[in-house]
Amino acid sequence: MDQNLRYLLLIRTFAIAGQALALACMHGWFGVSLPLGEVAVILLVLSGLTLVSWRRHAHTKRAQERVFIVQLFADVAALAALVYVTGGSINPFVSLFILPIVFAAASMRPWPTTLVTLVAVGAYTGLMFFHRSLPGEHALHGDVQLHLWGMWYGFVLSAILVAYFVSRIARTLRSRDRALAAAREHAIRAERLVELGTLAAGTAHELGTPLATIAVIAGELEAEHRDDPNLGRSLRTLRDQVDRCRDALARLAFDAGELRADCGAALGIEEFFDAVVADWQALRPDVDVRYARNGPLPAPRVVVDRTLRQAIVNVLNNAADASVASVEIEGHWSAETLTLAVRDDGPGLSGEAQAHAGRAPYSDKPPGDGLGIGLLLAHSTLARLGGRIDFARGEHGGTCARIEIPTRVLLAA
C-alpha cells in the first residue's frame, strides 16, 4: 500500500478510537447527555470506510491524488457530523479539523491542499452557527462567546500557516529526494564511465601490437601484389585504416587527462563542423552523406574538446549503421546554441532502445556488431558540457538525433 495512504488510514483509526473513548468518558463519568446512537452511526460509517479502503488499496503501490482528496473530504464530513450533534464549536474535538489540513499539506500539491483547507475552515465556521445544542447547555456568556471566537480565529490562522509552511517543507523535501535520486544516477553513470575508461586504456595498450603486425603484413602483401591494381587499392585502404587506428591510440595515450584536445587552438564553428564531418567520412567512405550548415557570420570561434568530436562521431556512426541509403547532417549555430541534427532513413529506434539510449550500455545490433556504449559516452560528454541529445522519429521515417550545446561553454577566451 502507498505509504502516505497507510499513514492516513492509521491516523483515522487512532482518531476513531480516541473519539469513542472520550465520548464514553463524557457520558459515563461526567454525566453529559450525548446522542450516542447518532454518534455510534457516524463512527461506524467512518470505520467501515476505513476498512474498505484498507482492503481496496492494500496492493496499491502509489495511490492517485484524487484518492487522498476523497479520503480527506470523508474525514472532514464525518468530523463535522460528529461535532454537529455534540454541541458544535464548544466540542473540544473541533480542533481535529487541523489534521486533514496537515496531511494534505505534507503529501499533496498546493491546489488540493488549498481546497481541503477551505473545506475544513468552512466546516468549522459553519459549526459556529449551526449545531445541535447538548441537553442542559446554558446560554454562553459574552466572555465565553469571545473565547470561542478566539478559538475559531486561532484555528483559521493555524490552518493557513500549516497549509502554507508544511506544504512548502514537503515540496522542498520532495525536490531534495528528486535531486538525490538524480545525483545517485549521475554517480552510477560516472562510475560506469570510469570503468569504461580503465577498460579503454587496457584495450588500447593491447591493440598496439596486433595493429603493428597488421600494418607490416599489409605492407608486405601490397609489395608482393603490385601487379594486381584492385588488390593493391584494397591493401592501401587497409593500411590507411590501420594507420588511423594507430593514430587514434596514440592520441588517446598522449591526451589522457586533457580537457582541451586542441591545446587552446581556436577555430570557427563552421570549420569545426566541416572537420568533424570530413574526418568521419574518411572513416565511413561507403555512406552517402548529405551535409549542410548555416548560422550568422562571422561564426564564433570555439575551442573544442576532443571528447565532443568523439561523441558526435558516435552519433554519426549509429546513424550510418541504421541507414538504408543516406545520412543527412545539418549543423546550425547561434549566439546561444550550437545544434547538430543527424537523420537516417532506417527503421527507427525501438521502444526499448529509446528507453536505454544514453542511459545505459545497450545495442540492438547483432552480437559482435556493437558494444552499446557509443550513445552512453555521447550522452555523458554532452551532459558535462551542459548540452543534451534527443531522439525523435523523422518526418519520413528513420530517426533524428538532435544534439544541442550552449555556445558559451565552447567559446575561445
Protein backbone atom coordinates (compact mmCIF):
# COMPACT_ATOMS: atom_id res chain seq x y z
CA MET A 1 0.00 0.00 0.00
CA ASP A 2 1.10 3.55 -0.66
CA GLN A 3 2.89 4.79 2.47
CA ASN A 4 1.01 8.09 2.67
CA LEU A 5 -2.38 6.35 2.37
CA ARG A 6 -1.30 3.91 5.08
CA TYR A 7 -0.46 6.81 7.40
CA LEU A 8 -3.81 8.49 6.68
CA LEU A 9 -5.81 5.35 7.50
CA LEU A 10 -3.74 4.72 10.65
CA ILE A 11 -4.31 8.30 11.85
CA ARG A 12 -8.04 7.90 11.19
CA THR A 13 -8.13 4.60 13.09
CA PHE A 14 -6.49 6.15 16.16
CA ALA A 15 -8.77 9.19 15.89
CA ILE A 16 -11.89 6.99 15.84
CA ALA A 17 -10.69 5.04 18.87
CA GLY A 18 -9.79 8.23 20.73
CA GLN A 19 -13.14 9.86 19.97
CA ALA A 20 -15.09 6.79 21.08
CA LEU A 21 -13.15 6.61 24.34
CA ALA A 22 -13.52 10.33 25.07
CA LEU A 23 -17.26 10.34 24.34
CA ALA A 24 -17.74 7.30 26.57
CA CYS A 25 -15.91 9.08 29.40
CA MET A 26 -18.01 12.24 28.93
CA HIS A 27 -21.21 10.22 29.08
CA GLY A 28 -20.21 7.83 31.86
CA TRP A 29 -18.01 9.89 34.20
CA PHE A 30 -19.15 13.46 33.65
CA GLY A 31 -22.80 12.68 33.08
CA VAL A 32 -23.01 14.67 29.84
CA SER A 33 -26.05 13.51 27.90
CA LEU A 34 -24.98 12.63 24.34
CA PRO A 35 -26.88 11.30 21.32
CA LEU A 36 -24.99 8.01 21.49
CA GLY A 37 -26.99 6.38 18.71
CA GLU A 38 -26.14 9.07 16.16
CA VAL A 39 -22.53 9.22 17.32
CA ALA A 40 -22.24 5.43 17.01
CA VAL A 41 -23.64 5.52 13.46
CA ILE A 42 -21.15 8.21 12.40
CA LEU A 43 -18.18 6.33 13.87
CA LEU A 44 -19.34 3.02 12.37
CA VAL A 45 -19.70 4.55 8.90
CA LEU A 46 -16.21 6.05 9.16
CA SER A 47 -14.83 2.73 10.44
CA GLY A 48 -16.47 0.91 7.52
CA LEU A 49 -14.93 3.36 5.05
CA THR A 50 -11.52 2.79 6.64
CA LEU A 51 -11.86 -1.00 6.41
CA VAL A 52 -12.97 -0.83 2.76
CA SER A 53 -10.06 1.49 1.97
CA TRP A 54 -7.58 -0.88 3.60
CA ARG A 55 -8.84 -3.79 1.50
CA ARG A 56 -9.26 -1.88 -1.75
CA HIS A 57 -5.84 -0.24 -1.72
CA ALA A 58 -3.87 -2.99 0.02
CA HIS A 59 -1.92 -3.74 -3.16
CA THR A 60 -1.69 -0.18 -4.47
CA LYS A 61 1.93 0.89 -4.73
CA ARG A 62 1.12 4.53 -5.43
CA ALA A 63 -2.37 5.90 -4.82
CA GLN A 64 -3.66 8.68 -7.05
CA GLU A 65 -4.13 12.15 -5.64
CA ARG A 66 -7.90 12.00 -6.04
CA VAL A 67 -7.97 9.04 -3.62
CA PHE A 68 -6.39 11.20 -0.92
CA ILE A 69 -8.79 14.07 -1.64
CA VAL A 70 -11.83 11.78 -1.29
CA GLN A 71 -10.46 10.27 1.94
CA LEU A 72 -9.76 13.70 3.46
CA PHE A 73 -13.19 15.03 2.49
CA ALA A 74 -14.70 11.95 4.17
CA ASP A 75 -12.75 12.76 7.35
CA VAL A 76 -13.92 16.37 7.31
CA ALA A 77 -17.53 15.34 6.68
CA ALA A 78 -17.51 12.71 9.46
CA LEU A 79 -15.92 15.10 11.95
CA ALA A 80 -18.38 17.86 11.01
CA ALA A 81 -21.33 15.48 11.54
CA LEU A 82 -19.91 14.30 14.87
CA VAL A 83 -19.30 17.83 16.14
CA TYR A 84 -22.72 18.96 14.85
CA VAL A 85 -24.62 16.50 17.09
CA THR A 86 -22.37 17.06 20.13
CA GLY A 87 -22.52 20.78 20.76
CA GLY A 88 -20.82 22.41 17.78
CA SER A 89 -17.80 24.60 18.32
CA ILE A 90 -17.80 24.07 22.12
CA ASN A 91 -16.81 20.44 21.46
CA PRO A 92 -13.04 20.12 22.04
CA PHE A 93 -12.82 17.70 19.08
CA VAL A 94 -13.36 20.65 16.76
CA SER A 95 -9.60 21.15 16.80
CA LEU A 96 -9.22 17.86 14.88
CA PHE A 97 -10.14 19.74 11.71
CA ILE A 98 -6.46 20.66 11.56
CA LEU A 99 -5.42 17.03 10.85
CA PRO A 100 -6.74 16.78 7.26
CA ILE A 101 -5.01 20.10 6.50
CA VAL A 102 -1.69 18.89 7.88
CA PHE A 103 -1.90 15.66 5.90
CA ALA A 104 -2.87 17.45 2.69
CA ALA A 105 -0.05 19.97 3.07
CA ALA A 106 2.51 17.23 3.66
CA SER A 107 1.51 14.89 0.83
CA MET A 108 -0.28 16.81 -1.93
CA ARG A 109 0.21 19.70 -4.33
CA PRO A 110 -0.77 23.28 -3.42
CA TRP A 111 -4.17 23.41 -5.12
CA PRO A 112 -5.71 20.30 -3.44
CA THR A 113 -4.16 21.44 -0.15
CA THR A 114 -5.89 24.81 -0.56
CA LEU A 115 -9.17 23.05 -1.38
CA VAL A 116 -9.00 20.82 1.73
CA THR A 117 -8.09 23.85 3.87
CA LEU A 118 -11.08 25.85 2.60
CA VAL A 119 -13.45 22.94 3.22
CA ALA A 120 -12.13 22.36 6.77
CA VAL A 121 -12.24 26.07 7.66
CA GLY A 122 -15.72 26.31 6.13
CA ALA A 123 -16.93 23.35 8.20
CA TYR A 124 -15.53 24.87 11.43
CA THR A 125 -17.08 28.23 10.63
CA GLY A 126 -20.47 26.69 9.84
CA LEU A 127 -20.47 24.79 13.14
CA MET A 128 -20.12 28.13 14.95
CA PHE A 129 -23.66 28.95 13.83
CA PHE A 130 -25.32 25.65 13.02
CA HIS A 131 -25.17 22.80 15.51
CA ARG A 132 -27.35 20.81 17.88
CA SER A 133 -27.04 22.00 21.46
CA LEU A 134 -26.49 19.42 24.15
CA PRO A 135 -29.28 18.93 26.67
CA GLY A 136 -28.85 21.27 29.64
CA GLU A 137 -26.44 23.52 27.78
CA HIS A 138 -26.89 27.04 29.16
CA ALA A 139 -26.51 30.18 27.15
CA LEU A 140 -22.95 31.28 26.77
CA HIS A 141 -21.87 34.49 28.39
CA GLY A 142 -20.17 37.23 26.39
CA ASP A 143 -16.68 36.40 27.64
CA VAL A 144 -17.14 32.69 26.83
CA GLN A 145 -18.52 33.58 23.41
CA LEU A 146 -15.46 35.78 22.82
CA HIS A 147 -13.28 32.85 23.86
CA LEU A 148 -14.98 30.58 21.31
CA TRP A 149 -14.45 33.13 18.55
CA GLY A 150 -10.86 33.41 19.65
CA MET A 151 -10.54 29.63 19.31
CA TRP A 152 -12.02 29.89 15.82
CA TYR A 153 -9.58 32.62 14.84
CA GLY A 154 -6.67 30.62 16.21
CA PHE A 155 -7.80 27.59 14.23
CA VAL A 156 -8.11 29.56 10.98
CA LEU A 157 -4.69 31.12 11.48
CA SER A 158 -3.15 27.73 12.32
CA ALA A 159 -4.80 26.16 9.28
CA ILE A 160 -3.39 28.82 6.95
CA LEU A 161 0.10 28.62 8.42
CA VAL A 162 0.14 24.81 8.40
CA ALA A 163 -1.20 24.62 4.86
CA TYR A 164 1.43 27.07 3.61
CA PHE A 165 4.56 26.16 5.52
CA VAL A 166 4.10 22.38 5.76
CA SER A 167 3.28 22.34 2.06
CA ARG A 168 6.46 24.26 1.27
CA ILE A 169 8.51 21.98 3.52
CA ALA A 170 7.01 18.92 1.83
CA ARG A 171 7.78 20.34 -1.64
CA THR A 172 11.34 21.06 -0.55
CA LEU A 173 11.75 17.50 0.74
CA ARG A 174 10.33 16.06 -2.47
CA SER A 175 12.66 18.27 -4.52
CA ARG A 176 15.59 17.13 -2.41
CA ASP A 177 14.61 13.50 -2.92
CA ARG A 178 14.48 14.04 -6.69
CA ALA A 179 17.85 15.80 -6.61
CA LEU A 180 19.36 12.95 -4.56
CA ALA A 181 17.94 10.39 -6.98
CA ALA A 182 19.41 12.32 -9.91
CA ALA A 183 22.76 12.60 -8.10
CA ARG A 184 22.78 8.84 -7.43
CA GLU A 185 22.02 8.16 -11.08
CA HIS A 186 24.78 10.55 -12.13
CA ALA A 187 27.23 8.89 -9.73
CA ILE A 188 26.36 5.43 -11.07
CA ARG A 189 26.83 6.68 -14.63
CA ALA A 190 30.13 8.33 -13.71
CA GLU A 191 31.34 5.14 -12.06
CA ARG A 192 30.39 3.19 -15.18
CA LEU A 193 32.32 5.65 -17.33
CA VAL A 194 35.40 5.34 -15.11
CA GLU A 195 35.23 1.59 -15.57
CA LEU A 196 34.91 2.07 -19.34
CA GLY A 197 37.90 4.43 -19.27
CA THR A 198 40.00 1.86 -17.45
CA LEU A 199 38.97 -0.82 -19.91
CA ALA A 200 39.69 1.54 -22.81
CA ALA A 201 43.22 2.21 -21.55
CA GLY A 202 43.92 -1.51 -21.19
CA THR A 203 42.41 -2.26 -24.58
CA ALA A 204 44.44 0.50 -26.24
CA HIS A 205 47.60 -1.00 -24.81
CA GLU A 206 46.66 -4.47 -26.04
CA LEU A 207 45.74 -3.26 -29.54
CA GLY A 208 49.13 -1.70 -30.26
CA THR A 209 50.93 -4.94 -31.11
CA PRO A 210 48.27 -6.55 -33.37
CA LEU A 211 47.77 -3.28 -35.27
CA ALA A 212 51.52 -3.05 -35.90
CA THR A 213 51.50 -6.65 -37.12
CA ILE A 214 48.57 -5.98 -39.45
CA ALA A 215 50.33 -2.91 -40.86
CA VAL A 216 53.52 -4.88 -41.57
CA ILE A 217 51.66 -7.76 -43.23
CA ALA A 218 49.53 -5.37 -45.29
CA GLY A 219 52.66 -3.59 -46.49
CA GLU A 220 54.31 -6.90 -47.48
CA LEU A 221 51.18 -8.04 -49.32
CA GLU A 222 50.97 -4.74 -51.15
CA ALA A 223 54.60 -5.13 -52.30
CA GLU A 224 54.01 -8.72 -53.41
CA HIS A 225 50.86 -7.90 -55.41
CA ARG A 226 51.82 -4.70 -57.18
CA ASP A 227 50.65 -6.22 -60.46
CA ASP A 228 47.06 -6.51 -59.14
CA PRO A 229 45.64 -2.93 -59.01
CA ASN A 230 42.33 -3.92 -57.36
CA LEU A 231 44.01 -5.86 -54.60
CA GLY A 232 46.58 -3.08 -54.24
CA ARG A 233 43.85 -0.48 -53.67
CA SER A 234 42.19 -2.69 -51.06
CA LEU A 235 45.51 -3.22 -49.27
CA ARG A 236 46.26 0.52 -49.31
CA THR A 237 42.82 1.18 -47.85
CA LEU A 238 43.53 -1.44 -45.20
CA ARG A 239 46.86 0.22 -44.33
CA ASP A 240 45.22 3.66 -44.19
CA GLN A 241 42.56 2.41 -41.78
CA VAL A 242 45.18 0.68 -39.63
CA ASP A 243 47.22 3.90 -39.55
CA ARG A 244 44.12 5.79 -38.43
CA CYS A 245 43.58 3.28 -35.64
CA ARG A 246 47.20 3.62 -34.53
CA ASP A 247 46.95 7.42 -34.63
CA ALA A 248 43.78 7.26 -32.54
CA LEU A 249 45.51 5.10 -29.94
CA ALA A 250 48.50 7.44 -29.93
CA ARG A 251 46.24 10.44 -29.35
CA LEU A 252 44.47 8.55 -26.59
CA ALA A 253 47.77 7.95 -24.83
CA PHE A 254 49.03 11.49 -25.43
CA ASP A 255 45.82 13.33 -24.49
CA ALA A 256 44.84 11.26 -21.50
CA GLY A 257 43.53 13.59 -18.83
CA GLU A 258 43.43 16.66 -21.11
CA LEU A 259 40.14 18.54 -21.32
CA ARG A 260 41.10 20.66 -24.34
CA ALA A 261 42.34 18.49 -27.18
CA ASP A 262 43.48 21.36 -29.36
CA CYS A 263 45.63 22.85 -26.58
CA GLY A 264 43.87 26.22 -26.77
CA ALA A 265 43.77 26.48 -30.58
CA ALA A 266 40.54 28.23 -31.63
CA LEU A 267 38.61 27.61 -34.83
CA GLY A 268 35.30 28.80 -36.24
CA ILE A 269 32.21 26.72 -35.63
CA GLU A 270 31.79 26.15 -39.36
CA GLU A 271 35.38 24.86 -39.51
CA PHE A 272 34.62 22.55 -36.61
CA PHE A 273 31.55 21.13 -38.34
CA ASP A 274 33.44 20.67 -41.61
CA ALA A 275 36.39 18.96 -39.92
CA VAL A 276 34.23 16.53 -37.94
CA VAL A 277 32.16 15.55 -40.96
CA ALA A 278 35.26 15.23 -43.19
CA ASP A 279 37.09 13.04 -40.67
CA TRP A 280 34.04 10.86 -40.24
CA GLN A 281 33.51 10.49 -43.99
CA ALA A 282 37.10 9.29 -44.27
CA LEU A 283 36.24 6.54 -41.79
CA ARG A 284 32.94 5.70 -43.48
CA PRO A 285 33.53 6.32 -47.20
CA ASP A 286 30.70 3.95 -48.16
CA VAL A 287 27.99 6.19 -46.62
CA ASP A 288 26.03 8.62 -48.79
CA VAL A 289 26.12 11.87 -46.81
CA ARG A 290 24.02 15.00 -47.31
CA TYR A 291 25.64 17.77 -45.31
CA ALA A 292 24.65 21.39 -44.75
CA ARG A 293 25.45 24.07 -42.19
CA ASN A 294 24.21 27.56 -41.51
CA GLY A 295 24.34 30.33 -38.95
CA PRO A 296 25.15 34.00 -38.56
CA LEU A 297 28.54 35.10 -39.86
CA PRO A 298 31.19 35.62 -38.76
CA ALA A 299 30.82 32.40 -36.82
CA PRO A 300 32.02 32.38 -33.19
CA ARG A 301 35.44 30.87 -32.60
CA VAL A 302 35.49 27.95 -30.23
CA VAL A 303 37.93 25.63 -28.50
CA VAL A 304 36.57 22.12 -28.87
CA ASP A 305 37.04 19.16 -26.56
CA ARG A 306 38.25 16.02 -28.35
CA THR A 307 35.63 14.02 -26.46
CA LEU A 308 32.97 16.19 -28.12
CA ARG A 309 34.31 15.18 -31.53
CA GLN A 310 34.15 11.55 -30.48
CA ALA A 311 30.61 11.98 -29.14
CA ILE A 312 29.44 13.40 -32.47
CA VAL A 313 31.25 10.64 -34.39
CA ASN A 314 29.50 8.03 -32.22
CA VAL A 315 26.11 9.52 -33.14
CA LEU A 316 27.09 9.64 -36.81
CA ASN A 317 28.24 6.02 -36.74
CA ASN A 318 24.93 4.91 -35.23
CA ALA A 319 23.05 6.80 -37.94
CA ALA A 320 25.23 5.22 -40.64
CA ASP A 321 24.70 1.73 -39.21
CA ALA A 322 20.92 2.22 -39.13
CA SER A 323 20.64 3.97 -42.50
CA VAL A 324 19.45 2.25 -45.65
CA ALA A 325 20.51 4.81 -48.29
CA SER A 326 21.84 8.04 -46.82
CA VAL A 327 22.52 10.14 -43.74
CA GLU A 328 21.54 13.81 -43.50
CA ILE A 329 23.65 16.13 -41.34
CA GLU A 330 22.55 19.67 -40.63
CA GLY A 331 24.59 22.00 -38.44
CA HIS A 332 23.39 25.32 -37.11
CA TRP A 333 24.79 27.84 -34.67
CA SER A 334 23.65 30.99 -32.95
CA ALA A 335 24.89 33.16 -30.13
CA GLU A 336 23.13 30.84 -27.66
CA THR A 337 23.17 27.30 -29.05
CA LEU A 338 25.18 25.02 -31.30
CA THR A 339 22.87 22.44 -32.89
CA LEU A 340 23.60 19.36 -34.97
CA ALA A 341 20.75 17.27 -36.40
CA VAL A 342 21.59 13.80 -37.75
CA ARG A 343 18.85 11.98 -39.68
CA ASP A 344 18.90 8.44 -41.03
CA ASP A 345 16.37 6.57 -43.16
CA GLY A 346 16.46 3.33 -41.19
CA PRO A 347 13.67 1.57 -39.29
CA GLY A 348 13.94 3.91 -36.31
CA LEU A 349 14.71 3.21 -32.66
CA SER A 350 12.66 0.55 -30.92
CA GLY A 351 10.84 1.42 -27.70
CA GLU A 352 13.43 -0.44 -25.63
CA ALA A 353 16.32 1.22 -27.46
CA GLN A 354 14.82 4.68 -26.95
CA ALA A 355 14.34 3.98 -23.24
CA HIS A 356 18.00 2.91 -22.83
CA ALA A 357 19.65 5.30 -25.31
CA GLY A 358 22.24 7.37 -23.49
CA ARG A 359 21.33 5.97 -20.07
CA ALA A 360 22.94 2.53 -20.08
CA PRO A 361 25.01 0.37 -22.43
CA TYR A 362 22.56 -1.05 -24.94
CA SER A 363 22.68 -2.32 -28.51
CA ASP A 364 20.01 -3.90 -30.69
CA LYS A 365 22.58 -4.83 -33.34
CA PRO A 366 23.55 -8.46 -33.92
CA PRO A 367 26.16 -9.84 -31.47
CA GLY A 368 29.63 -8.68 -32.40
CA ASP A 369 28.42 -5.65 -34.38
CA GLY A 370 28.23 -3.19 -31.50
CA LEU A 371 29.14 -2.76 -27.83
CA GLY A 372 26.25 -0.44 -26.99
CA ILE A 373 28.37 2.23 -25.31
CA GLY A 374 28.54 4.88 -28.07
CA LEU A 375 25.36 6.73 -27.11
CA LEU A 376 26.17 6.38 -23.40
CA LEU A 377 29.54 8.11 -23.93
CA ALA A 378 27.95 10.74 -26.18
CA HIS A 379 25.23 11.49 -23.62
CA SER A 380 27.76 11.78 -20.78
CA THR A 381 30.04 14.09 -22.79
CA LEU A 382 27.18 16.37 -23.79
CA ALA A 383 25.81 16.45 -20.22
CA ARG A 384 29.26 17.52 -18.95
CA LEU A 385 29.19 20.44 -21.39
CA GLY A 386 25.65 21.43 -20.40
CA GLY A 387 24.19 20.01 -23.61
CA ARG A 388 21.85 17.18 -24.47
CA ILE A 389 20.87 14.72 -27.17
CA ASP A 390 17.26 13.94 -28.09
CA PHE A 391 15.88 11.25 -30.37
CA ALA A 392 12.70 11.59 -32.41
CA ARG A 393 11.09 9.83 -35.33
CA GLY A 394 11.91 11.53 -38.62
CA GLU A 395 9.24 13.11 -40.81
CA HIS A 396 9.71 10.38 -43.44
CA GLY A 397 10.69 7.56 -41.08
CA GLY A 398 14.04 6.77 -39.55
CA THR A 399 15.49 8.54 -36.54
CA CYS A 400 16.54 12.14 -36.00
CA ALA A 401 19.22 12.63 -33.32
CA ARG A 402 19.42 16.27 -32.25
CA ILE A 403 22.48 17.49 -30.37
CA GLU A 404 22.32 20.86 -28.59
CA ILE A 405 25.21 22.52 -26.75
CA PRO A 406 25.35 26.02 -25.20
CA THR A 407 27.70 28.06 -27.37
CA ARG A 408 29.16 29.89 -24.39
CA VAL A 409 30.85 26.76 -22.98
CA LEU A 410 32.88 26.38 -26.21
CA LEU A 411 33.81 30.00 -26.85
CA ALA A 412 37.51 30.76 -27.10
CA ALA A 413 38.69 33.08 -24.37
